[in-house]
């Protein structure tokens, strides 16, 4: 997760940011564990970014990073391809 977010932020937004330390969660922790996604999303929001999710109605996470200000366009684009968009709560 940390690698994915770091690379996405660098590649698409040209930013190098300090992300939460993934080691505090433990080796057996999944991204669906309490606070993991929220911690990363909260961090991104301080840079005007957030984690977006596509609900594919299956047992997978389709995550991406986008600008907060683009949320309406992102939501519309995801609906056009036939899925629902949601934010991290």
PDB file of N, CA and C in Angstrom:
ATOM      1  N   UNK A   1       0.818  -1.176   0.000  1.00  0.00           N
ATOM      2  CA  UNK A   1       0.000   0.000   0.000  1.00  0.00           C
ATOM      3  C   UNK A   1       0.876   1.259   0.000  1.00  0.00           C
ATOM      4  N   UNK A   2       1.842   1.272   0.901  1.00  0.00           N
ATOM      5  CA  UNK A   2       2.721   2.434   0.998  1.00  0.00           C
ATOM      6  C   UNK A   2       3.457   2.666  -0.327  1.00  0.00           C
ATOM      7  N   UNK A   3       3.965   1.604  -0.908  1.00  0.00           N
ATOM      8  CA  UNK A   3       4.679   1.711  -2.183  1.00  0.00           C
ATOM      9  C   UNK A   3       3.748   2.213  -3.282  1.00  0.00           C
ATOM     10  N   UNK A   4       2.551   1.650  -3.368  1.00  0.00           N
ATOM     11  CA  UNK A   4       1.573   2.039  -4.381  1.00  0.00           C
ATOM     12  C   UNK A   4       1.261   3.531  -4.285  1.00  0.00           C
ATOM     13  N   UNK A   5       0.964   4.003  -3.094  1.00  0.00           N
ATOM     14  CA  UNK A   5       0.609   5.412  -2.914  1.00  0.00           C
ATOM     15  C   UNK A   5       1.805   6.315  -3.207  1.00  0.00           C
ATOM     16  N   UNK A   6       2.962   5.943  -2.703  1.00  0.00           N
ATOM     17  CA  UNK A   6       4.160   6.749  -2.931  1.00  0.00           C
ATOM     18  C   UNK A   6       4.441   6.897  -4.421  1.00  0.00           C
ATOM     19  N   UNK A   7       4.407   5.801  -5.148  1.00  0.00           N
ATOM     20  CA  UNK A   7       4.674   5.830  -6.594  1.00  0.00           C
ATOM     21  C   UNK A   7       3.598   6.613  -7.342  1.00  0.00           C
ATOM     22  N   UNK A   8       2.339   6.423  -6.995  1.00  0.00           N
ATOM     23  CA  UNK A   8       1.247   7.135  -7.674  1.00  0.00           C
ATOM     24  C   UNK A   8       1.368   8.639  -7.472  1.00  0.00           C
ATOM     25  N   UNK A   9       1.662   9.051  -6.255  1.00  0.00           N
ATOM     26  CA  UNK A   9       1.787  10.478  -5.948  1.00  0.00           C
ATOM     27  C   UNK A   9       2.977  11.089  -6.684  1.00  0.00           C
ATOM     28  N   UNK A  10       4.085  10.369  -6.733  1.00  0.00           N
ATOM     29  CA  UNK A  10       5.255  10.875  -7.450  1.00  0.00           C
ATOM     30  C   UNK A  10       5.006  10.960  -8.953  1.00  0.00           C
ATOM     31  N   UNK A  11       4.468   9.874  -9.506  1.00  0.00           N
ATOM     32  CA  UNK A  11       4.284   9.784 -10.950  1.00  0.00           C
ATOM     33  C   UNK A  11       3.215  10.746 -11.469  1.00  0.00           C
ATOM     34  N   UNK A  12       2.076  10.818 -10.802  1.00  0.00           N
ATOM     35  CA  UNK A  12       0.942  11.572 -11.330  1.00  0.00           C
ATOM     36  C   UNK A  12       0.851  13.006 -10.827  1.00  0.00           C
ATOM     37  N   UNK A  13       1.484  13.289  -9.693  1.00  0.00           N
ATOM     38  CA  UNK A  13       1.359  14.630  -9.125  1.00  0.00           C
ATOM     39  C   UNK A  13       2.710  15.301  -8.860  1.00  0.00           C
ATOM     40  N   UNK A  14       3.801  14.586  -9.117  1.00  0.00           N
ATOM     41  CA  UNK A  14       5.126  15.148  -8.953  1.00  0.00           C
ATOM     42  C   UNK A  14       5.462  15.533  -7.523  1.00  0.00           C
ATOM     43  N   UNK A  15       4.873  14.830  -6.565  1.00  0.00           N
ATOM     44  CA  UNK A  15       5.101  15.131  -5.152  1.00  0.00           C
ATOM     45  C   UNK A  15       5.870  14.014  -4.464  1.00  0.00           C
ATOM     46  N   UNK A  16       6.664  14.396  -3.512  1.00  0.00           N
ATOM     47  CA  UNK A  16       7.312  13.438  -2.618  1.00  0.00           C
ATOM     48  C   UNK A  16       6.803  13.771  -1.217  1.00  0.00           C
ATOM     49  N   UNK A  17       6.002  12.879  -0.651  1.00  0.00           N
ATOM     50  CA  UNK A  17       5.356  13.176   0.626  1.00  0.00           C
ATOM     51  C   UNK A  17       5.748  12.153   1.685  1.00  0.00           C
ATOM     52  N   UNK A  18       5.547  12.530   2.922  1.00  0.00           N
ATOM     53  CA  UNK A  18       5.791  11.615   4.044  1.00  0.00           C
ATOM     54  C   UNK A  18       4.492  10.878   4.350  1.00  0.00           C
ATOM     55  N   UNK A  19       4.521   9.583   4.167  1.00  0.00           N
ATOM     56  CA  UNK A  19       3.353   8.743   4.428  1.00  0.00           C
ATOM     57  C   UNK A  19       3.456   8.122   5.813  1.00  0.00           C
ATOM     58  N   UNK A  20       2.338   7.630   6.343  1.00  0.00           N
ATOM     59  CA  UNK A  20       2.403   6.932   7.636  1.00  0.00           C
ATOM     60  C   UNK A  20       3.389   5.768   7.570  1.00  0.00           C
ATOM     61  N   UNK A  21       4.012   5.479   8.688  1.00  0.00           N
ATOM     62  CA  UNK A  21       4.963   4.374   8.767  1.00  0.00           C
ATOM     63  C   UNK A  21       4.183   3.057   8.822  1.00  0.00           C
ATOM     64  N   UNK A  22       4.276   2.264   7.766  1.00  0.00           N
ATOM     65  CA  UNK A  22       3.517   1.017   7.681  1.00  0.00           C
ATOM     66  C   UNK A  22       3.938  -0.020   8.717  1.00  0.00           C
ATOM     67  N   UNK A  23       5.130   0.115   9.273  1.00  0.00           N
ATOM     68  CA  UNK A  23       5.615  -0.848  10.258  1.00  0.00           C
ATOM     69  C   UNK A  23       4.819  -0.817  11.560  1.00  0.00           C
ATOM     70  N   UNK A  24       4.130   0.290  11.840  1.00  0.00           N
ATOM     71  CA  UNK A  24       3.358   0.383  13.085  1.00  0.00           C
ATOM     72  C   UNK A  24       2.130  -0.528  13.067  1.00  0.00           C
ATOM     73  N   UNK A  25       1.721  -0.974  11.885  1.00  0.00           N
ATOM     74  CA  UNK A  25       0.538  -1.829  11.775  1.00  0.00           C
ATOM     75  C   UNK A  25       0.844  -3.303  11.997  1.00  0.00           C
ATOM     76  N   UNK A  26       2.069  -3.701  11.864  1.00  0.00           N
ATOM     77  CA  UNK A  26       2.436  -5.106  12.018  1.00  0.00           C
ATOM     78  C   UNK A  26       2.427  -5.838  10.697  1.00  0.00           C
ATOM     79  N   UNK A  27       3.188  -6.912  10.631  1.00  0.00           N
ATOM     80  CA  UNK A  27       3.374  -7.655   9.383  1.00  0.00           C
ATOM     81  C   UNK A  27       2.115  -8.361   8.895  1.00  0.00           C
ATOM     82  N   UNK A  28       1.219  -8.716   9.789  1.00  0.00           N
ATOM     83  CA  UNK A  28       0.026  -9.473   9.406  1.00  0.00           C
ATOM     84  C   UNK A  28      -1.203  -8.595   9.181  1.00  0.00           C
ATOM     85  N   UNK A  29      -1.035  -7.302   9.180  1.00  0.00           N
ATOM     86  CA  UNK A  29      -2.157  -6.383   9.039  1.00  0.00           C
ATOM     87  C   UNK A  29      -2.500  -6.177   7.575  1.00  0.00           C
ATOM     88  N   UNK A  30      -3.799  -6.230   7.254  1.00  0.00           N
ATOM     89  CA  UNK A  30      -4.236  -5.970   5.884  1.00  0.00           C
ATOM     90  C   UNK A  30      -4.717  -4.526   5.771  1.00  0.00           C
ATOM     91  N   UNK A  31      -4.889  -4.067   4.547  1.00  0.00           N
ATOM     92  CA  UNK A  31      -5.336  -2.689   4.371  1.00  0.00           C
ATOM     93  C   UNK A  31      -6.767  -2.484   4.843  1.00  0.00           C
ATOM     94  N   UNK A  32      -7.502  -3.572   5.004  1.00  0.00           N
ATOM     95  CA  UNK A  32      -8.874  -3.438   5.488  1.00  0.00           C
ATOM     96  C   UNK A  32      -8.946  -3.356   7.011  1.00  0.00           C
ATOM     97  N   UNK A  33      -7.819  -3.484   7.688  1.00  0.00           N
ATOM     98  CA  UNK A  33      -7.792  -3.358   9.150  1.00  0.00           C
ATOM     99  C   UNK A  33      -8.117  -1.926   9.559  1.00  0.00           C
ATOM    100  N   UNK A  34      -8.617  -1.800  10.766  1.00  0.00           N
ATOM    101  CA  UNK A  34      -9.020  -0.490  11.278  1.00  0.00           C
ATOM    102  C   UNK A  34      -7.909   0.533  11.122  1.00  0.00           C
ATOM    103  N   UNK A  35      -8.239   1.661  10.594  1.00  0.00           N
ATOM    104  CA  UNK A  35      -7.394   2.850  10.484  1.00  0.00           C
ATOM    105  C   UNK A  35      -6.328   2.831   9.393  1.00  0.00           C
ATOM    106  N   UNK A  36      -6.032   1.723   8.768  1.00  0.00           N
ATOM    107  CA  UNK A  36      -4.962   1.726   7.768  1.00  0.00           C
ATOM    108  C   UNK A  36      -5.328   2.645   6.604  1.00  0.00           C
ATOM    109  N   UNK A  37      -6.438   2.390   5.937  1.00  0.00           N
ATOM    110  CA  UNK A  37      -6.840   3.237   4.816  1.00  0.00           C
ATOM    111  C   UNK A  37      -7.097   4.670   5.277  1.00  0.00           C
ATOM    112  N   UNK A  38      -7.720   4.814   6.437  1.00  0.00           N
ATOM    113  CA  UNK A  38      -8.001   6.161   6.952  1.00  0.00           C
ATOM    114  C   UNK A  38      -6.720   6.944   7.199  1.00  0.00           C
ATOM    115  N   UNK A  39      -5.706   6.304   7.758  1.00  0.00           N
ATOM    116  CA  UNK A  39      -4.437   6.988   8.028  1.00  0.00           C
ATOM    117  C   UNK A  39      -3.785   7.491   6.745  1.00  0.00           C
ATOM    118  N   UNK A  40      -3.767   6.650   5.724  1.00  0.00           N
ATOM    119  CA  UNK A  40      -3.172   7.049   4.452  1.00  0.00           C
ATOM    120  C   UNK A  40      -4.010   8.130   3.776  1.00  0.00           C
ATOM    121  N   UNK A  41      -5.315   7.991   3.814  1.00  0.00           N
ATOM    122  CA  UNK A  41      -6.193   8.983   3.209  1.00  0.00           C
ATOM    123  C   UNK A  41      -6.057  10.332   3.924  1.00  0.00           C
ATOM    124  N   UNK A  42      -6.028  10.320   5.246  1.00  0.00           N
ATOM    125  CA  UNK A  42      -5.860  11.567   6.001  1.00  0.00           C
ATOM    126  C   UNK A  42      -4.551  12.256   5.629  1.00  0.00           C
ATOM    127  N   UNK A  43      -3.508  11.487   5.469  1.00  0.00           N
ATOM    128  CA  UNK A  43      -2.216  12.035   5.083  1.00  0.00           C
ATOM    129  C   UNK A  43      -2.310  12.684   3.704  1.00  0.00           C
ATOM    130  N   UNK A  44      -2.900  11.985   2.751  1.00  0.00           N
ATOM    131  CA  UNK A  44      -3.027  12.516   1.392  1.00  0.00           C
ATOM    132  C   UNK A  44      -3.847  13.803   1.362  1.00  0.00           C
ATOM    133  N   UNK A  45      -4.869  13.866   2.188  1.00  0.00           N
ATOM    134  CA  UNK A  45      -5.743  15.047   2.194  1.00  0.00           C
ATOM    135  C   UNK A  45      -4.999  16.313   2.602  1.00  0.00           C
ATOM    136  N   UNK A  46      -3.940  16.186   3.365  1.00  0.00           N
ATOM    137  CA  UNK A  46      -3.152  17.369   3.717  1.00  0.00           C
ATOM    138  C   UNK A  46      -2.421  17.934   2.503  1.00  0.00           C
ATOM    139  N   UNK A  47      -2.344  17.176   1.425  1.00  0.00           N
ATOM    140  CA  UNK A  47      -1.711  17.603   0.181  1.00  0.00           C
ATOM    141  C   UNK A  47      -2.737  17.865  -0.926  1.00  0.00           C
ATOM    142  N   UNK A  48      -4.024  17.886  -0.569  1.00  0.00           N
ATOM    143  CA  UNK A  48      -5.073  18.123  -1.558  1.00  0.00           C
ATOM    144  C   UNK A  48      -5.424  16.904  -2.376  1.00  0.00           C
ATOM    145  N   UNK A  49      -5.029  15.726  -1.899  1.00  0.00           N
ATOM    146  CA  UNK A  49      -5.279  14.462  -2.590  1.00  0.00           C
ATOM    147  C   UNK A  49      -6.112  13.551  -1.698  1.00  0.00           C
ATOM    148  N   UNK A  50      -6.643  12.501  -2.274  1.00  0.00           N
ATOM    149  CA  UNK A  50      -7.352  11.503  -1.487  1.00  0.00           C
ATOM    150  C   UNK A  50      -7.337  10.160  -2.195  1.00  0.00           C
ATOM    151  N   UNK A  51      -7.699   9.122  -1.444  1.00  0.00           N
ATOM    152  CA  UNK A  51      -7.833   7.785  -2.019  1.00  0.00           C
ATOM    153  C   UNK A  51      -9.266   7.642  -2.514  1.00  0.00           C
ATOM    154  N   UNK A  52      -9.403   7.207  -3.751  1.00  0.00           N
ATOM    155  CA  UNK A  52     -10.709   6.895  -4.311  1.00  0.00           C
ATOM    156  C   UNK A  52     -10.833   5.391  -4.455  1.00  0.00           C
ATOM    157  N   UNK A  53     -12.047   4.898  -4.351  1.00  0.00           N
ATOM    158  CA  UNK A  53     -12.300   3.458  -4.466  1.00  0.00           C
ATOM    159  C   UNK A  53     -13.395   3.210  -5.489  1.00  0.00           C
ATOM    160  N   UNK A  54     -13.220   2.166  -6.253  1.00  0.00           N
ATOM    161  CA  UNK A  54     -14.258   1.725  -7.182  1.00  0.00           C
ATOM    162  C   UNK A  54     -14.863   0.460  -6.618  1.00  0.00           C
ATOM    163  N   UNK A  55     -16.170   0.474  -6.462  1.00  0.00           N
ATOM    164  CA  UNK A  55     -16.890  -0.689  -5.952  1.00  0.00           C
ATOM    165  C   UNK A  55     -17.223  -1.607  -7.114  1.00  0.00           C
ATOM    166  N   UNK A  56     -16.501  -2.711  -7.215  1.00  0.00           N
ATOM    167  CA  UNK A  56     -16.726  -3.672  -8.303  1.00  0.00           C
ATOM    168  C   UNK A  56     -17.642  -4.813  -7.872  1.00  0.00           C
ATOM    169  N   UNK A  57     -18.197  -4.689  -6.669  1.00  0.00           N
ATOM    170  CA  UNK A  57     -19.092  -5.706  -6.109  1.00  0.00           C
ATOM    171  C   UNK A  57     -18.419  -7.072  -6.015  1.00  0.00           C
ATOM    172  N   UNK A  58     -17.135  -7.059  -5.672  1.00  0.00           N
ATOM    173  CA  UNK A  58     -16.400  -8.304  -5.472  1.00  0.00           C
ATOM    174  C   UNK A  58     -15.456  -8.124  -4.294  1.00  0.00           C
ATOM    175  N   UNK A  59     -14.661  -9.142  -4.032  1.00  0.00           N
ATOM    176  CA  UNK A  59     -13.744  -9.119  -2.894  1.00  0.00           C
ATOM    177  C   UNK A  59     -12.392  -8.537  -3.282  1.00  0.00           C
ATOM    178  N   UNK A  60     -12.403  -7.323  -3.784  1.00  0.00           N
ATOM    179  CA  UNK A  60     -11.166  -6.668  -4.171  1.00  0.00           C
ATOM    180  C   UNK A  60     -11.264  -5.181  -3.878  1.00  0.00           C
ATOM    181  N   UNK A  61     -10.111  -4.561  -3.797  1.00  0.00           N
ATOM    182  CA  UNK A  61     -10.042  -3.114  -3.649  1.00  0.00           C
ATOM    183  C   UNK A  61      -9.474  -2.532  -4.938  1.00  0.00           C
ATOM    184  N   UNK A  62     -10.218  -1.658  -5.579  1.00  0.00           N
ATOM    185  CA  UNK A  62      -9.709  -0.911  -6.712  1.00  0.00           C
ATOM    186  C   UNK A  62      -9.517   0.505  -6.194  1.00  0.00           C
ATOM    187  N   UNK A  63      -8.274   0.820  -5.878  1.00  0.00           N
ATOM    188  CA  UNK A  63      -7.934   2.097  -5.258  1.00  0.00           C
ATOM    189  C   UNK A  63      -7.122   2.948  -6.212  1.00  0.00           C
ATOM    190  N   UNK A  64      -7.284   4.248  -6.087  1.00  0.00           N
ATOM    191  CA  UNK A  64      -6.472   5.177  -6.840  1.00  0.00           C
ATOM    192  C   UNK A  64      -6.396   6.488  -6.075  1.00  0.00           C
ATOM    193  N   UNK A  65      -5.429   7.308  -6.436  1.00  0.00           N
ATOM    194  CA  UNK A  65      -5.228   8.597  -5.786  1.00  0.00           C
ATOM    195  C   UNK A  65      -5.668   9.678  -6.762  1.00  0.00           C
ATOM    196  N   UNK A  66      -6.431  10.647  -6.263  1.00  0.00           N
ATOM    197  CA  UNK A  66      -6.853  11.758  -7.107  1.00  0.00           C
ATOM    198  C   UNK A  66      -6.930  13.045  -6.293  1.00  0.00           C
ATOM    199  N   UNK A  67      -7.008  14.148  -7.004  1.00  0.00           N
ATOM    200  CA  UNK A  67      -7.150  15.444  -6.344  1.00  0.00           C
ATOM    201  C   UNK A  67      -8.539  15.542  -5.731  1.00  0.00           C
ATOM    202  N   UNK A  68      -8.617  16.105  -4.549  1.00  0.00           N
ATOM    203  CA  UNK A  68      -9.907  16.284  -3.875  1.00  0.00           C
ATOM    204  C   UNK A  68     -10.844  17.106  -4.750  1.00  0.00           C
ATOM    205  N   UNK A  69     -10.319  18.139  -5.365  1.00  0.00           N
ATOM    206  CA  UNK A  69     -11.150  19.039  -6.166  1.00  0.00           C
ATOM    207  C   UNK A  69     -11.753  18.369  -7.398  1.00  0.00           C
ATOM    208  N   UNK A  70     -11.248  17.215  -7.791  1.00  0.00           N
ATOM    209  CA  UNK A  70     -11.739  16.513  -8.981  1.00  0.00           C
ATOM    210  C   UNK A  70     -12.787  15.458  -8.662  1.00  0.00           C
ATOM    211  N   UNK A  71     -13.278  15.425  -7.440  1.00  0.00           N
ATOM    212  CA  UNK A  71     -14.145  14.321  -7.017  1.00  0.00           C
ATOM    213  C   UNK A  71     -15.404  14.178  -7.871  1.00  0.00           C
ATOM    214  N   UNK A  72     -16.007  15.280  -8.282  1.00  0.00           N
ATOM    215  CA  UNK A  72     -17.219  15.177  -9.106  1.00  0.00           C
ATOM    216  C   UNK A  72     -16.926  14.540 -10.459  1.00  0.00           C
ATOM    217  N   UNK A  73     -15.825  14.928 -11.079  1.00  0.00           N
ATOM    218  CA  UNK A  73     -15.435  14.343 -12.372  1.00  0.00           C
ATOM    219  C   UNK A  73     -15.084  12.870 -12.218  1.00  0.00           C
ATOM    220  N   UNK A  74     -14.397  12.541 -11.136  1.00  0.00           N
ATOM    221  CA  UNK A  74     -14.012  11.148 -10.868  1.00  0.00           C
ATOM    222  C   UNK A  74     -15.251  10.291 -10.676  1.00  0.00           C
ATOM    223  N   UNK A  75     -16.178  10.772  -9.861  1.00  0.00           N
ATOM    224  CA  UNK A  75     -17.417  10.036  -9.603  1.00  0.00           C
ATOM    225  C   UNK A  75     -18.180   9.791 -10.910  1.00  0.00           C
ATOM    226  N   UNK A  76     -18.280  10.801 -11.737  1.00  0.00           N
ATOM    227  CA  UNK A  76     -18.982  10.671 -13.015  1.00  0.00           C
ATOM    228  C   UNK A  76     -18.285   9.664 -13.928  1.00  0.00           C
ATOM    229  N   UNK A  77     -16.958   9.724 -13.996  1.00  0.00           N
ATOM    230  CA  UNK A  77     -16.206   8.804 -14.854  1.00  0.00           C
ATOM    231  C   UNK A  77     -16.378   7.353 -14.406  1.00  0.00           C
ATOM    232  N   UNK A  78     -16.355   7.128 -13.110  1.00  0.00           N
ATOM    233  CA  UNK A  78     -16.525   5.769 -12.589  1.00  0.00           C
ATOM    234  C   UNK A  78     -17.936   5.261 -12.897  1.00  0.00           C
ATOM    235  N   UNK A  79     -18.927   6.128 -12.780  1.00  0.00           N
ATOM    236  CA  UNK A  79     -20.301   5.719 -13.108  1.00  0.00           C
ATOM    237  C   UNK A  79     -20.451   5.409 -14.591  1.00  0.00           C
ATOM    238  N   UNK A  80     -19.754   6.146 -15.438  1.00  0.00           N
ATOM    239  CA  UNK A  80     -19.808   5.896 -16.880  1.00  0.00           C
ATOM    240  C   UNK A  80     -19.316   4.492 -17.210  1.00  0.00           C
ATOM    241  N   UNK A  81     -18.322   4.005 -16.478  1.00  0.00           N
ATOM    242  CA  UNK A  81     -17.823   2.652 -16.751  1.00  0.00           C
ATOM    243  C   UNK A  81     -18.636   1.582 -16.027  1.00  0.00           C
ATOM    244  N   UNK A  82     -19.704   2.004 -15.341  1.00  0.00           N
ATOM    245  CA  UNK A  82     -20.645   1.049 -14.775  1.00  0.00           C
ATOM    246  C   UNK A  82     -20.429   0.652 -13.328  1.00  0.00           C
ATOM    247  N   UNK A  83     -19.675   1.449 -12.590  1.00  0.00           N
ATOM    248  CA  UNK A  83     -19.417   1.113 -11.180  1.00  0.00           C
ATOM    249  C   UNK A  83     -19.750   2.302 -10.291  1.00  0.00           C
ATOM    250  N   UNK A  84     -19.685   2.076  -8.998  1.00  0.00           N
ATOM    251  CA  UNK A  84     -19.895   3.130  -8.022  1.00  0.00           C
ATOM    252  C   UNK A  84     -18.557   3.555  -7.440  1.00  0.00           C
ATOM    253  N   UNK A  85     -18.451   4.857  -7.198  1.00  0.00           N
ATOM    254  CA  UNK A  85     -17.270   5.432  -6.578  1.00  0.00           C
ATOM    255  C   UNK A  85     -17.575   5.678  -5.110  1.00  0.00           C
ATOM    256  N   UNK A  86     -16.583   5.481  -4.272  1.00  0.00           N
ATOM    257  CA  UNK A  86     -16.761   5.883  -2.881  1.00  0.00           C
ATOM    258  C   UNK A  86     -15.453   6.364  -2.281  1.00  0.00           C
ATOM    259  N   UNK A  87     -15.595   7.175  -1.248  1.00  0.00           N
ATOM    260  CA  UNK A  87     -14.459   7.733  -0.535  1.00  0.00           C
ATOM    261  C   UNK A  87     -14.186   6.907   0.709  1.00  0.00           C
ATOM    262  N   UNK A  88     -13.003   7.080   1.268  1.00  0.00           N
ATOM    263  CA  UNK A  88     -12.662   6.470   2.542  1.00  0.00           C
ATOM    264  C   UNK A  88     -13.402   7.231   3.626  1.00  0.00           C
ATOM    265  N   UNK A  89     -14.071   6.536   4.511  1.00  0.00           N
ATOM    266  CA  UNK A  89     -14.806   7.195   5.604  1.00  0.00           C
ATOM    267  C   UNK A  89     -13.930   7.395   6.803  1.00  0.00           C
TER     268      UNK A  89
END
